[in-house]
Each structure stands twice: as C-alpha cells, then as structure tokens.
Amino acid sequence: MSAVANHVRGEAMLQLAGHEVLLRPSFNALVAAEQEIGPLFDLVERAAAGRLGLAELVALFWHCRVAGTCPFDREGFAHALADVGLLALTPVLKILLRQILQGR
C-alpha cells in the first residue's frame, strides 16, 4: 500500500527513482532540520531570494521524509534528488515552505 500526501497537513509526495517518498513536515522533523541547517525563517528567506543551497534542500527533505516510504540512505537520497533536478523539486519545496510559514 502506498502512502497518500495529506495536503492539509502540508505533506507532499516526492517521486524518486521509481519510489514514492512521503514528506511530512512534522514539528519533530522541522526541529531536526533546523538543528542541522539553522533557523527555518532564514531558510525561507534564502529560498525566496534564490539562495537556497542543495545541501539545505537535501537536509530539509531528509528530515521531513517518512522513513517507511523512503528506501534510501541519506547519500542515496541526495543522489536521487540531484537526479530528479531542481525543476521537479521546486513544487515540493513550495509545499514544505508554505507549511513552515503557516503552521497548523
């Protein structure tokens, strides 16, 4: 059974190497991302200015992934994201950033 993204909760589905990976920006996930990459409001500002780094994107997505839907280790996840490309990742990033700004 595959997971389904709940858009009301700010979830997003990510297609990576033939797998559907569910991203859920839960409080715990966002705290973990913030501990790694710094304040989330700064991340949102960098994204809006076009200055979001690939490592930051990988970290945010990694911490928001639902582990049971993601068959990759972190390195494989990063490579799969790079293979997909920024154009395909941008709509997913927008969903997560909107959730960061709106909260529940």
PDB file of N, CA and C in Angstrom:
ATOM      1  N   MET A   1       0.842  -1.186   0.000  1.00  0.00           N
ATOM      2  CA  MET A   1       0.000   0.000   0.000  1.00  0.00           C
ATOM      3  C   MET A   1       0.884   1.246   0.000  1.00  0.00           C
ATOM      4  N   SER A   2       0.608   2.162  -0.913  1.00  0.00           N
ATOM      5  CA  SER A   2       1.413   3.369  -0.964  1.00  0.00           C
ATOM      6  C   SER A   2       0.774   4.462  -0.124  1.00  0.00           C
ATOM      7  N   ALA A   3       1.605   5.364   0.319  1.00  0.00           N
ATOM      8  CA  ALA A   3       1.148   6.477   1.150  1.00  0.00           C
ATOM      9  C   ALA A   3       0.491   7.539   0.268  1.00  0.00           C
ATOM     10  N   VAL A   4      -0.341   8.331   0.883  1.00  0.00           N
ATOM     11  CA  VAL A   4      -1.001   9.441   0.201  1.00  0.00           C
ATOM     12  C   VAL A   4      -0.703  10.703   0.994  1.00  0.00           C
ATOM     13  N   ALA A   5      -0.306  11.747   0.295  1.00  0.00           N
ATOM     14  CA  ALA A   5       0.002  13.015   0.954  1.00  0.00           C
ATOM     15  C   ALA A   5      -1.275  13.711   1.396  1.00  0.00           C
ATOM     16  N   ASN A   6      -1.270  14.199   2.631  1.00  0.00           N
ATOM     17  CA  ASN A   6      -2.374  14.988   3.168  1.00  0.00           C
ATOM     18  C   ASN A   6      -1.978  16.457   3.027  1.00  0.00           C
ATOM     19  N   HIS A   7      -2.515  17.100   2.006  1.00  0.00           N
ATOM     20  CA  HIS A   7      -2.110  18.477   1.711  1.00  0.00           C
ATOM     21  C   HIS A   7      -2.524  19.465   2.799  1.00  0.00           C
ATOM     22  N   VAL A   8      -3.552  19.131   3.553  1.00  0.00           N
ATOM     23  CA  VAL A   8      -3.981  19.991   4.659  1.00  0.00           C
ATOM     24  C   VAL A   8      -2.881  20.066   5.718  1.00  0.00           C
ATOM     25  N   ARG A   9      -2.159  18.962   5.902  1.00  0.00           N
ATOM     26  CA  ARG A   9      -1.058  18.917   6.879  1.00  0.00           C
ATOM     27  C   ARG A   9       0.264  19.375   6.279  1.00  0.00           C
ATOM     28  N   GLY A  10       0.256  19.806   5.030  1.00  0.00           N
ATOM     29  CA  GLY A  10       1.484  20.270   4.391  1.00  0.00           C
ATOM     30  C   GLY A  10       2.352  19.151   3.873  1.00  0.00           C
ATOM     31  N   GLU A  11       1.794  17.957   3.742  1.00  0.00           N
ATOM     32  CA  GLU A  11       2.565  16.823   3.244  1.00  0.00           C
ATOM     33  C   GLU A  11       2.709  16.914   1.729  1.00  0.00           C
ATOM     34  N   ALA A  12       3.745  16.278   1.231  1.00  0.00           N
ATOM     35  CA  ALA A  12       3.990  16.260  -0.207  1.00  0.00           C
ATOM     36  C   ALA A  12       4.537  14.895  -0.594  1.00  0.00           C
ATOM     37  N   MET A  13       4.255  14.503  -1.825  1.00  0.00           N
ATOM     38  CA  MET A  13       4.768  13.250  -2.348  1.00  0.00           C
ATOM     39  C   MET A  13       5.909  13.566  -3.314  1.00  0.00           C
ATOM     40  N   LEU A  14       6.966  12.814  -3.189  1.00  0.00           N
ATOM     41  CA  LEU A  14       8.157  13.027  -3.992  1.00  0.00           C
ATOM     42  C   LEU A  14       8.453  11.746  -4.757  1.00  0.00           C
ATOM     43  N   GLN A  15       8.593  11.839  -6.067  1.00  0.00           N
ATOM     44  CA  GLN A  15       8.915  10.687  -6.901  1.00  0.00           C
ATOM     45  C   GLN A  15      10.437  10.615  -7.058  1.00  0.00           C
ATOM     46  N   LEU A  16      11.029   9.537  -6.520  1.00  0.00           N
ATOM     47  CA  LEU A  16      12.485   9.367  -6.590  1.00  0.00           C
ATOM     48  C   LEU A  16      12.824   7.962  -7.058  1.00  0.00           C
ATOM     49  N   ALA A  17      13.459   7.861  -8.204  1.00  0.00           N
ATOM     50  CA  ALA A  17      13.955   6.580  -8.712  1.00  0.00           C
ATOM     51  C   ALA A  17      12.893   5.482  -8.646  1.00  0.00           C
ATOM     52  N   GLY A  18      11.677   5.814  -9.062  1.00  0.00           N
ATOM     53  CA  GLY A  18      10.606   4.843  -9.088  1.00  0.00           C
ATOM     54  C   GLY A  18       9.915   4.610  -7.758  1.00  0.00           C
ATOM     55  N   HIS A  19      10.241   5.382  -6.753  1.00  0.00           N
ATOM     56  CA  HIS A  19       9.637   5.255  -5.431  1.00  0.00           C
ATOM     57  C   HIS A  19       8.871   6.526  -5.087  1.00  0.00           C
ATOM     58  N   GLU A  20       7.761   6.358  -4.386  1.00  0.00           N
ATOM     59  CA  GLU A  20       7.010   7.495  -3.874  1.00  0.00           C
ATOM     60  C   GLU A  20       7.417   7.710  -2.418  1.00  0.00           C
ATOM     61  N   VAL A  21       8.057   8.825  -2.157  1.00  0.00           N
ATOM     62  CA  VAL A  21       8.525   9.150  -0.811  1.00  0.00           C
ATOM     63  C   VAL A  21       7.618  10.245  -0.263  1.00  0.00           C
ATOM     64  N   LEU A  22       7.023   9.970   0.876  1.00  0.00           N
ATOM     65  CA  LEU A  22       6.136  10.941   1.525  1.00  0.00           C
ATOM     66  C   LEU A  22       6.966  11.877   2.393  1.00  0.00           C
ATOM     67  N   LEU A  23       6.750  13.168   2.227  1.00  0.00           N
ATOM     68  CA  LEU A  23       7.399  14.177   3.063  1.00  0.00           C
ATOM     69  C   LEU A  23       6.346  14.760   3.991  1.00  0.00           C
ATOM     70  N   ARG A  24       6.633  14.702   5.280  1.00  0.00           N
ATOM     71  CA  ARG A  24       5.700  15.195   6.298  1.00  0.00           C
ATOM     72  C   ARG A  24       6.448  16.192   7.193  1.00  0.00           C
ATOM     73  N   PRO A  25       6.150  17.477   7.073  1.00  0.00           N
ATOM     74  CA  PRO A  25       6.848  18.480   7.883  1.00  0.00           C
ATOM     75  C   PRO A  25       6.288  18.564   9.302  1.00  0.00           C
ATOM     76  N   SER A  26       6.466  17.500  10.044  1.00  0.00           N
ATOM     77  CA  SER A  26       6.011  17.472  11.435  1.00  0.00           C
ATOM     78  C   SER A  26       6.897  18.388  12.283  1.00  0.00           C
ATOM     79  N   PHE A  27       6.432  18.684  13.475  1.00  0.00           N
ATOM     80  CA  PHE A  27       7.217  19.514  14.381  1.00  0.00           C
ATOM     81  C   PHE A  27       8.594  18.908  14.612  1.00  0.00           C
ATOM     82  N   ASN A  28       8.650  17.606  14.891  1.00  0.00           N
ATOM     83  CA  ASN A  28       9.935  16.945  15.153  1.00  0.00           C
ATOM     84  C   ASN A  28      10.844  16.991  13.934  1.00  0.00           C
ATOM     85  N   ALA A  29      10.268  16.798  12.752  1.00  0.00           N
ATOM     86  CA  ALA A  29      11.067  16.846  11.527  1.00  0.00           C
ATOM     87  C   ALA A  29      11.654  18.231  11.310  1.00  0.00           C
ATOM     88  N   LEU A  30      10.843  19.250  11.549  1.00  0.00           N
ATOM     89  CA  LEU A  30      11.319  20.616  11.340  1.00  0.00           C
ATOM     90  C   LEU A  30      12.354  21.024  12.385  1.00  0.00           C
ATOM     91  N   VAL A  31      12.198  20.552  13.613  1.00  0.00           N
ATOM     92  CA  VAL A  31      13.207  20.819  14.643  1.00  0.00           C
ATOM     93  C   VAL A  31      14.536  20.177  14.241  1.00  0.00           C
ATOM     94  N   ALA A  32      14.485  18.943  13.764  1.00  0.00           N
ATOM     95  CA  ALA A  32      15.713  18.254  13.344  1.00  0.00           C
ATOM     96  C   ALA A  32      16.371  18.975  12.174  1.00  0.00           C
ATOM     97  N   ALA A  33      15.559  19.430  11.224  1.00  0.00           N
ATOM     98  CA  ALA A  33      16.107  20.173  10.089  1.00  0.00           C
ATOM     99  C   ALA A  33      16.732  21.478  10.558  1.00  0.00           C
ATOM    100  N   GLU A  34      16.054  22.162  11.458  1.00  0.00           N
ATOM    101  CA  GLU A  34      16.562  23.433  11.972  1.00  0.00           C
ATOM    102  C   GLU A  34      17.877  23.249  12.722  1.00  0.00           C
ATOM    103  N   GLN A  35      18.009  22.155  13.453  1.00  0.00           N
ATOM    104  CA  GLN A  35      19.253  21.893  14.168  1.00  0.00           C
ATOM    105  C   GLN A  35      20.411  21.697  13.204  1.00  0.00           C
ATOM    106  N   GLU A  36      20.116  21.165  12.036  1.00  0.00           N
ATOM    107  CA  GLU A  36      21.179  20.932  11.052  1.00  0.00           C
ATOM    108  C   GLU A  36      21.480  22.155  10.203  1.00  0.00           C
ATOM    109  N   ILE A  37      20.446  22.870   9.765  1.00  0.00           N
ATOM    110  CA  ILE A  37      20.673  23.929   8.778  1.00  0.00           C
ATOM    111  C   ILE A  37      20.398  25.344   9.283  1.00  0.00           C
ATOM    112  N   GLY A  38      20.002  25.468  10.526  1.00  0.00           N
ATOM    113  CA  GLY A  38      19.773  26.793  11.082  1.00  0.00           C
ATOM    114  C   GLY A  38      18.314  27.177  11.050  1.00  0.00           C
ATOM    115  N   PRO A  39      17.997  28.396  11.482  1.00  0.00           N
ATOM    116  CA  PRO A  39      16.615  28.846  11.605  1.00  0.00           C
ATOM    117  C   PRO A  39      15.818  28.688  10.308  1.00  0.00           C
ATOM    118  N   LEU A  40      14.610  28.182  10.442  1.00  0.00           N
ATOM    119  CA  LEU A  40      13.777  27.916   9.272  1.00  0.00           C
ATOM    120  C   LEU A  40      13.316  29.193   8.588  1.00  0.00           C
ATOM    121  N   PHE A  41      13.126  30.272   9.340  1.00  0.00           N
ATOM    122  CA  PHE A  41      12.737  31.520   8.691  1.00  0.00           C
ATOM    123  C   PHE A  41      13.868  32.032   7.803  1.00  0.00           C
ATOM    124  N   ASP A  42      15.108  31.824   8.218  1.00  0.00           N
ATOM    125  CA  ASP A  42      16.241  32.183   7.365  1.00  0.00           C
ATOM    126  C   ASP A  42      16.257  31.327   6.106  1.00  0.00           C
ATOM    127  N   LEU A  43      15.919  30.054   6.258  1.00  0.00           N
ATOM    128  CA  LEU A  43      15.850  29.141   5.117  1.00  0.00           C
ATOM    129  C   LEU A  43      14.786  29.621   4.126  1.00  0.00           C
ATOM    130  N   VAL A  44      13.636  30.025   4.627  1.00  0.00           N
ATOM    131  CA  VAL A  44      12.561  30.524   3.772  1.00  0.00           C
ATOM    132  C   VAL A  44      13.023  31.778   3.033  1.00  0.00           C
ATOM    133  N   GLU A  45      13.701  32.674   3.733  1.00  0.00           N
ATOM    134  CA  GLU A  45      14.199  33.894   3.097  1.00  0.00           C
ATOM    135  C   GLU A  45      15.220  33.589   2.009  1.00  0.00           C
ATOM    136  N   ARG A  46      16.128  32.638   2.289  1.00  0.00           N
ATOM    137  CA  ARG A  46      17.116  32.252   1.275  1.00  0.00           C
ATOM    138  C   ARG A  46      16.424  31.639   0.061  1.00  0.00           C
ATOM    139  N   ALA A  47      15.419  30.807   0.303  1.00  0.00           N
ATOM    140  CA  ALA A  47      14.687  30.186  -0.802  1.00  0.00           C
ATOM    141  C   ALA A  47      13.990  31.256  -1.649  1.00  0.00           C
ATOM    142  N   ALA A  48      13.364  32.224  -0.992  1.00  0.00           N
ATOM    143  CA  ALA A  48      12.664  33.290  -1.706  1.00  0.00           C
ATOM    144  C   ALA A  48      13.623  34.130  -2.539  1.00  0.00           C
ATOM    145  N   ALA A  49      14.850  34.265  -2.060  1.00  0.00           N
ATOM    146  CA  ALA A  49      15.853  35.053  -2.773  1.00  0.00           C
ATOM    147  C   ALA A  49      16.643  34.221  -3.782  1.00  0.00           C
ATOM    148  N   GLY A  50      16.313  32.937  -3.902  1.00  0.00           N
ATOM    149  CA  GLY A  50      17.029  32.077  -4.841  1.00  0.00           C
ATOM    150  C   GLY A  50      18.408  31.676  -4.348  1.00  0.00           C
ATOM    151  N   ARG A  51      18.614  31.695  -3.031  1.00  0.00           N
ATOM    152  CA  ARG A  51      19.922  31.387  -2.461  1.00  0.00           C
ATOM    153  C   ARG A  51      19.921  30.124  -1.605  1.00  0.00           C
ATOM    154  N   LEU A  52      18.942  29.255  -1.819  1.00  0.00           N
ATOM    155  CA  LEU A  52      18.873  28.010  -1.064  1.00  0.00           C
ATOM    156  C   LEU A  52      19.850  27.016  -1.673  1.00  0.00           C
ATOM    157  N   GLY A  53      20.740  26.500  -0.841  1.00  0.00           N
ATOM    158  CA  GLY A  53      21.732  25.544  -1.323  1.00  0.00           C
ATOM    159  C   GLY A  53      21.170  24.138  -1.432  1.00  0.00           C
ATOM    160  N   LEU A  54      21.772  23.344  -2.289  1.00  0.00           N
ATOM    161  CA  LEU A  54      21.331  21.967  -2.475  1.00  0.00           C
ATOM    162  C   LEU A  54      21.452  21.165  -1.183  1.00  0.00           C
ATOM    163  N   ALA A  55      22.498  21.389  -0.412  1.00  0.00           N
ATOM    164  CA  ALA A  55      22.673  20.673   0.858  1.00  0.00           C
ATOM    165  C   ALA A  55      21.540  21.003   1.828  1.00  0.00           C
ATOM    166  N   GLU A  56      21.081  22.251   1.821  1.00  0.00           N
ATOM    167  CA  GLU A  56      19.957  22.644   2.680  1.00  0.00           C
ATOM    168  C   GLU A  56      18.660  21.969   2.227  1.00  0.00           C
ATOM    169  N   LEU A  57      18.468  21.910   0.934  1.00  0.00           N
ATOM    170  CA  LEU A  57      17.291  21.248   0.382  1.00  0.00           C
ATOM    171  C   LEU A  57      17.286  19.767   0.749  1.00  0.00           C
ATOM    172  N   VAL A  58      18.422  19.123   0.584  1.00  0.00           N
ATOM    173  CA  VAL A  58      18.540  17.704   0.942  1.00  0.00           C
ATOM    174  C   VAL A  58      18.230  17.513   2.430  1.00  0.00           C
ATOM    175  N   ALA A  59      18.790  18.362   3.274  1.00  0.00           N
ATOM    176  CA  ALA A  59      18.574  18.231   4.721  1.00  0.00           C
ATOM    177  C   ALA A  59      17.099  18.407   5.076  1.00  0.00           C
ATOM    178  N   LEU A  60      16.452  19.410   4.519  1.00  0.00           N
ATOM    179  CA  LEU A  60      15.038  19.633   4.812  1.00  0.00           C
ATOM    180  C   LEU A  60      14.204  18.439   4.373  1.00  0.00           C
ATOM    181  N   PHE A  61      14.403  18.001   3.141  1.00  0.00           N
ATOM    182  CA  PHE A  61      13.636  16.870   2.633  1.00  0.00           C
ATOM    183  C   PHE A  61      13.947  15.599   3.428  1.00  0.00           C
ATOM    184  N   TRP A  62      15.203  15.383   3.774  1.00  0.00           N
ATOM    185  CA  TRP A  62      15.597  14.181   4.513  1.00  0.00           C
ATOM    186  C   TRP A  62      14.889  14.104   5.864  1.00  0.00           C
ATOM    187  N   HIS A  63      14.892  15.207   6.576  1.00  0.00           N
ATOM    188  CA  HIS A  63      14.277  15.200   7.901  1.00  0.00           C
ATOM    189  C   HIS A  63      12.749  15.112   7.819  1.00  0.00           C
ATOM    190  N   CYS A  64      12.167  15.563   6.715  1.00  0.00           N
ATOM    191  CA  CYS A  64      10.717  15.508   6.559  1.00  0.00           C
ATOM    192  C   CYS A  64      10.227  14.189   5.953  1.00  0.00           C
ATOM    193  N   ARG A  65      11.124  13.361   5.480  1.00  0.00           N
ATOM    194  CA  ARG A  65      10.678  12.125   4.840  1.00  0.00           C
ATOM    195  C   ARG A  65      10.062  11.195   5.880  1.00  0.00           C
ATOM    196  N   VAL A  66       9.076  10.431   5.447  1.00  0.00           N
ATOM    197  CA  VAL A  66       8.518   9.372   6.279  1.00  0.00           C
ATOM    198  C   VAL A  66       9.359   8.144   5.982  1.00  0.00           C
ATOM    199  N   ALA A  67      10.122   7.707   6.967  1.00  0.00           N
ATOM    200  CA  ALA A  67      11.137   6.672   6.754  1.00  0.00           C
ATOM    201  C   ALA A  67      10.587   5.425   6.072  1.00  0.00           C
ATOM    202  N   GLY A  68       9.384   5.023   6.410  1.00  0.00           N
ATOM    203  CA  GLY A  68       8.809   3.811   5.828  1.00  0.00           C
ATOM    204  C   GLY A  68       8.540   3.910   4.338  1.00  0.00           C
ATOM    205  N   THR A  69       8.532   5.118   3.794  1.00  0.00           N
ATOM    206  CA  THR A  69       8.296   5.307   2.360  1.00  0.00           C
ATOM    207  C   THR A  69       9.588   5.572   1.601  1.00  0.00           C
ATOM    208  N   CYS A  70      10.707   5.631   2.308  1.00  0.00           N
ATOM    209  CA  CYS A  70      11.982   6.012   1.695  1.00  0.00           C
ATOM    210  C   CYS A  70      12.987   4.866   1.779  1.00  0.00           C
ATOM    211  N   PRO A  71      13.301   4.231   0.646  1.00  0.00           N
ATOM    212  CA  PRO A  71      14.221   3.096   0.666  1.00  0.00           C
ATOM    213  C   PRO A  71      15.703   3.486   0.622  1.00  0.00           C
ATOM    214  N   PHE A  72      15.996   4.771   0.685  1.00  0.00           N
ATOM    215  CA  PHE A  72      17.364   5.251   0.505  1.00  0.00           C
ATOM    216  C   PHE A  72      18.035   5.583   1.831  1.00  0.00           C
ATOM    217  N   ASP A  73      19.375   5.441   1.870  1.00  0.00           N
ATOM    218  CA  ASP A  73      20.128   6.058   2.949  1.00  0.00           C
ATOM    219  C   ASP A  73      20.321   7.521   2.541  1.00  0.00           C
ATOM    220  N   ARG A  74      20.920   8.305   3.400  1.00  0.00           N
ATOM    221  CA  ARG A  74      20.994   9.754   3.122  1.00  0.00           C
ATOM    222  C   ARG A  74      21.766  10.052   1.838  1.00  0.00           C
ATOM    223  N   GLU A  75      22.850   9.368   1.617  1.00  0.00           N
ATOM    224  CA  GLU A  75      23.630   9.618   0.406  1.00  0.00           C
ATOM    225  C   GLU A  75      22.834   9.246  -0.847  1.00  0.00           C
ATOM    226  N   GLY A  76      22.178   8.106  -0.818  1.00  0.00           N
ATOM    227  CA  GLY A  76      21.355   7.695  -1.947  1.00  0.00           C
ATOM    228  C   GLY A  76      20.198   8.647  -2.177  1.00  0.00           C
ATOM    229  N   PHE A  77      19.628   9.142  -1.076  1.00  0.00           N
ATOM    230  CA  PHE A  77      18.540  10.119  -1.141  1.00  0.00           C
ATOM    231  C   PHE A  77      19.035  11.389  -1.835  1.00  0.00           C
ATOM    232  N   ALA A  78      20.203  11.864  -1.438  1.00  0.00           N
ATOM    233  CA  ALA A  78      20.768  13.078  -2.034  1.00  0.00           C
ATOM    234  C   ALA A  78      21.007  12.886  -3.527  1.00  0.00           C
ATOM    235  N   HIS A  79      21.543  11.746  -3.900  1.00  0.00           N
ATOM    236  CA  HIS A  79      21.786  11.466  -5.323  1.00  0.00           C
ATOM    237  C   HIS A  79      20.471  11.383  -6.098  1.00  0.00           C
ATOM    238  N   ALA A  80      19.463  10.765  -5.503  1.00  0.00           N
ATOM    239  CA  ALA A  80      18.162  10.661  -6.166  1.00  0.00           C
ATOM    240  C   ALA A  80      17.540  12.043  -6.361  1.00  0.00           C
ATOM    241  N   LEU A  81      17.683  12.922  -5.367  1.00  0.00           N
ATOM    242  CA  LEU A  81      17.182  14.295  -5.513  1.00  0.00           C
ATOM    243  C   LEU A  81      17.909  15.014  -6.646  1.00  0.00           C
ATOM    244  N   ALA A  82      19.223  14.857  -6.706  1.00  0.00           N
ATOM    245  CA  ALA A  82      20.000  15.507  -7.765  1.00  0.00           C
ATOM    246  C   ALA A  82      19.595  14.973  -9.137  1.00  0.00           C
ATOM    247  N   ASP A  83      19.314  13.681  -9.210  1.00  0.00           N
ATOM    248  CA  ASP A  83      18.886  13.091 -10.482  1.00  0.00           C
ATOM    249  C   ASP A  83      17.545  13.645 -10.944  1.00  0.00           C
ATOM    250  N   VAL A  84      16.641  13.914 -10.001  1.00  0.00           N
ATOM    251  CA  VAL A  84      15.323  14.455 -10.333  1.00  0.00           C
ATOM    252  C   VAL A  84      15.456  15.877 -10.855  1.00  0.00           C
ATOM    253  N   GLY A  85      16.318  16.663 -10.227  1.00  0.00           N
ATOM    254  CA  GLY A  85      16.549  18.035 -10.671  1.00  0.00           C
ATOM    255  C   GLY A  85      15.706  19.052  -9.934  1.00  0.00           C
ATOM    256  N   LEU A  86      16.205  20.253  -9.891  1.00  0.00           N
ATOM    257  CA  LEU A  86      15.570  21.330  -9.139  1.00  0.00           C
ATOM    258  C   LEU A  86      14.200  21.713  -9.679  1.00  0.00           C
ATOM    259  N   LEU A  87      14.003  21.621 -10.969  1.00  0.00           N
ATOM    260  CA  LEU A  87      12.712  21.982 -11.540  1.00  0.00           C
ATOM    261  C   LEU A  87      11.598  21.104 -10.975  1.00  0.00           C
ATOM    262  N   ALA A  88      11.847  19.811 -10.853  1.00  0.00           N
ATOM    263  CA  ALA A  88      10.843  18.890 -10.314  1.00  0.00           C
ATOM    264  C   ALA A  88      10.701  19.027  -8.799  1.00  0.00           C
ATOM    265  N   LEU A  89      11.750  19.465  -8.119  1.00  0.00           N
ATOM    266  CA  LEU A  89      11.723  19.574  -6.660  1.00  0.00           C
ATOM    267  C   LEU A  89      11.073  20.868  -6.172  1.00  0.00           C
ATOM    268  N   THR A  90      11.035  21.877  -7.009  1.00  0.00           N
ATOM    269  CA  THR A  90      10.527  23.187  -6.597  1.00  0.00           C
ATOM    270  C   THR A  90       9.079  23.153  -6.098  1.00  0.00           C
ATOM    271  N   PRO A  91       8.144  22.473  -6.772  1.00  0.00           N
ATOM    272  CA  PRO A  91       6.774  22.441  -6.238  1.00  0.00           C
ATOM    273  C   PRO A  91       6.687  21.767  -4.866  1.00  0.00           C
ATOM    274  N   VAL A  92       7.487  20.740  -4.648  1.00  0.00           N
ATOM    275  CA  VAL A  92       7.507  20.054  -3.353  1.00  0.00           C
ATOM    276  C   VAL A  92       8.080  20.985  -2.288  1.00  0.00           C
ATOM    277  N   LEU A  93       9.138  21.690  -2.624  1.00  0.00           N
ATOM    278  CA  LEU A  93       9.732  22.655  -1.701  1.00  0.00           C
ATOM    279  C   LEU A  93       8.718  23.729  -1.325  1.00  0.00           C
ATOM    280  N   LYS A  94       7.953  24.211  -2.277  1.00  0.00           N
ATOM    281  CA  LYS A  94       6.947  25.247  -2.000  1.00  0.00           C
ATOM    282  C   LYS A  94       5.916  24.762  -0.987  1.00  0.00           C
ATOM    283  N   ILE A  95       5.503  23.512  -1.119  1.00  0.00           N
ATOM    284  CA  ILE A  95       4.534  22.948  -0.166  1.00  0.00           C
ATOM    285  C   ILE A  95       5.119  22.951   1.242  1.00  0.00           C
ATOM    286  N   LEU A  96       6.371  22.499   1.376  1.00  0.00           N
ATOM    287  CA  LEU A  96       7.003  22.451   2.702  1.00  0.00           C
ATOM    288  C   LEU A  96       7.218  23.851   3.260  1.00  0.00           C
ATOM    289  N   LEU A  97       7.654  24.779   2.425  1.00  0.00           N
ATOM    290  CA  LEU A  97       7.882  26.151   2.903  1.00  0.00           C
ATOM    291  C   LEU A  97       6.577  26.806   3.336  1.00  0.00           C
ATOM    292  N   ARG A  98       5.512  26.549   2.607  1.00  0.00           N
ATOM    293  CA  ARG A  98       4.204  27.089   2.983  1.00  0.00           C
ATOM    294  C   ARG A  98       3.800  26.560   4.353  1.00  0.00           C
ATOM    295  N   GLN A  99       4.048  25.267   4.596  1.00  0.00           N
ATOM    296  CA  GLN A  99       3.700  24.691   5.895  1.00  0.00           C
ATOM    297  C   GLN A  99       4.543  25.286   7.008  1.00  0.00           C
ATOM    298  N   ILE A 100       5.816  25.538   6.740  1.00  0.00           N
ATOM    299  CA  ILE A 100       6.688  26.163   7.733  1.00  0.00           C
ATOM    300  C   ILE A 100       6.147  27.532   8.124  1.00  0.00           C
ATOM    301  N   LEU A 101       5.688  28.288   7.137  1.00  0.00           N
ATOM    302  CA  LEU A 101       5.191  29.634   7.408  1.00  0.00           C
ATOM    303  C   LEU A 101       3.808  29.657   8.034  1.00  0.00           C
ATOM    304  N   GLN A 102       2.953  28.723   7.646  1.00  0.00           N
ATOM    305  CA  GLN A 102       1.573  28.726   8.139  1.00  0.00           C
ATOM    306  C   GLN A 102       1.393  27.970   9.437  1.00  0.00           C
ATOM    307  N   GLY A 103       2.166  26.902   9.620  1.00  0.00           N
ATOM    308  CA  GLY A 103       1.944  26.053  10.786  1.00  0.00           C
ATOM    309  C   GLY A 103       0.601  25.357  10.660  1.00  0.00           C
ATOM    310  N   ARG A 104       0.103  24.844  11.776  1.00  0.00           N
ATOM    311  CA  ARG A 104      -1.174  24.127  11.749  1.00  0.00           C
ATOM    312  C   ARG A 104      -2.310  25.085  11.902  1.00  0.00           C
TER     313      ARG A 104
END
